Amino acid sequence: MIEISLAPGKPHIELCDLLKVASLCESGGMAKTVIAAGEVKVDGAVDTRKRAKIKTGQIVEYLGKKIKVL
């Protein structure tokens, strides 16, 4: 599992940005494409909102890899 910590003072990270930070997508455009295609899950459910606000404790899945936001 990949663990990503939010920057101090930031309550969330947008889903498309999280995929880039976790190095699972090379660009924001690629991240938005895979999200729109329904390839990304948030807490076990498909989420197609590109700018969904991911908060501490949530788990994102893509390509069989899990990202936990700390």
Protein backbone atom coordinates (compact mmCIF):
# COMPACT_ATOMS: atom_id res chain seq x y z
CA MET A 1 0.00 0.00 0.00
CA ILE A 2 1.23 3.46 -0.92
CA GLU A 3 0.87 6.01 1.88
CA ILE A 4 0.56 9.71 1.06
CA SER A 5 0.56 12.39 3.74
CA LEU A 6 -1.39 15.59 3.22
CA ALA A 7 0.56 18.83 3.38
CA PRO A 8 0.24 20.67 6.71
CA GLY A 9 -2.90 22.80 6.75
CA LYS A 10 -4.46 20.99 3.78
CA PRO A 11 -7.65 19.10 4.66
CA HIS A 12 -7.81 17.19 1.34
CA ILE A 13 -6.20 16.41 -2.03
CA GLU A 14 -8.07 16.20 -5.31
CA LEU A 15 -8.33 12.70 -6.76
CA CYS A 16 -6.55 13.55 -10.01
CA ASP A 17 -3.67 15.14 -8.07
CA LEU A 18 -3.40 12.14 -5.76
CA LEU A 19 -2.83 9.77 -8.69
CA LYS A 20 -0.01 12.03 -9.93
CA VAL A 21 1.60 12.40 -6.48
CA ALA A 22 1.50 8.61 -6.02
CA SER A 23 3.23 8.23 -9.43
CA LEU A 24 0.41 6.10 -10.82
CA CYS A 25 -0.30 8.57 -13.63
CA GLU A 26 2.26 10.55 -15.61
CA SER A 27 0.06 13.62 -16.02
CA GLY A 28 -3.10 15.27 -14.83
CA GLY A 29 -4.70 14.58 -18.20
CA MET A 30 -3.99 10.87 -17.89
CA ALA A 31 -5.36 10.86 -14.33
CA LYS A 32 -8.57 12.59 -15.44
CA THR A 33 -9.00 10.11 -18.31
CA VAL A 34 -8.70 6.98 -16.13
CA ILE A 35 -11.00 8.50 -13.49
CA ALA A 36 -13.65 9.35 -16.12
CA ALA A 37 -13.35 5.81 -17.52
CA GLY A 38 -14.35 4.40 -14.13
CA GLU A 39 -10.98 2.76 -13.45
CA VAL A 40 -10.51 4.34 -10.00
CA LYS A 41 -12.19 3.36 -6.74
CA VAL A 42 -12.49 5.43 -3.58
CA ASP A 43 -13.25 3.45 -0.43
CA GLY A 44 -14.24 0.45 -2.57
CA ALA A 45 -16.66 2.23 -4.93
CA VAL A 46 -15.98 3.54 -8.44
CA ASP A 47 -15.68 7.34 -8.39
CA THR A 48 -15.72 9.32 -11.63
CA ARG A 49 -15.37 12.77 -10.03
CA LYS A 50 -11.97 14.03 -11.21
CA ARG A 51 -11.70 16.63 -8.48
CA ALA A 52 -13.21 14.55 -5.67
CA LYS A 53 -11.78 15.72 -2.35
CA ILE A 54 -9.87 12.82 -0.80
CA LYS A 55 -9.41 13.20 2.95
CA THR A 56 -7.34 11.52 5.65
CA GLY A 57 -8.24 7.86 6.11
CA GLN A 58 -9.65 7.31 2.64
CA ILE A 59 -8.26 4.58 0.38
CA VAL A 60 -8.00 4.96 -3.40
CA GLU A 61 -7.46 1.97 -5.70
CA TYR A 62 -6.08 2.02 -9.24
CA LEU A 63 -4.30 -0.65 -11.28
CA GLY A 64 -4.48 -3.06 -8.36
CA LYS A 65 -2.59 -0.65 -6.12
CA LYS A 66 -4.01 1.03 -3.04
CA ILE A 67 -3.19 4.53 -1.83
CA LYS A 68 -3.96 5.50 1.77
CA VAL A 69 -4.17 9.19 2.60
CA LEU A 70 -2.61 10.07 5.96
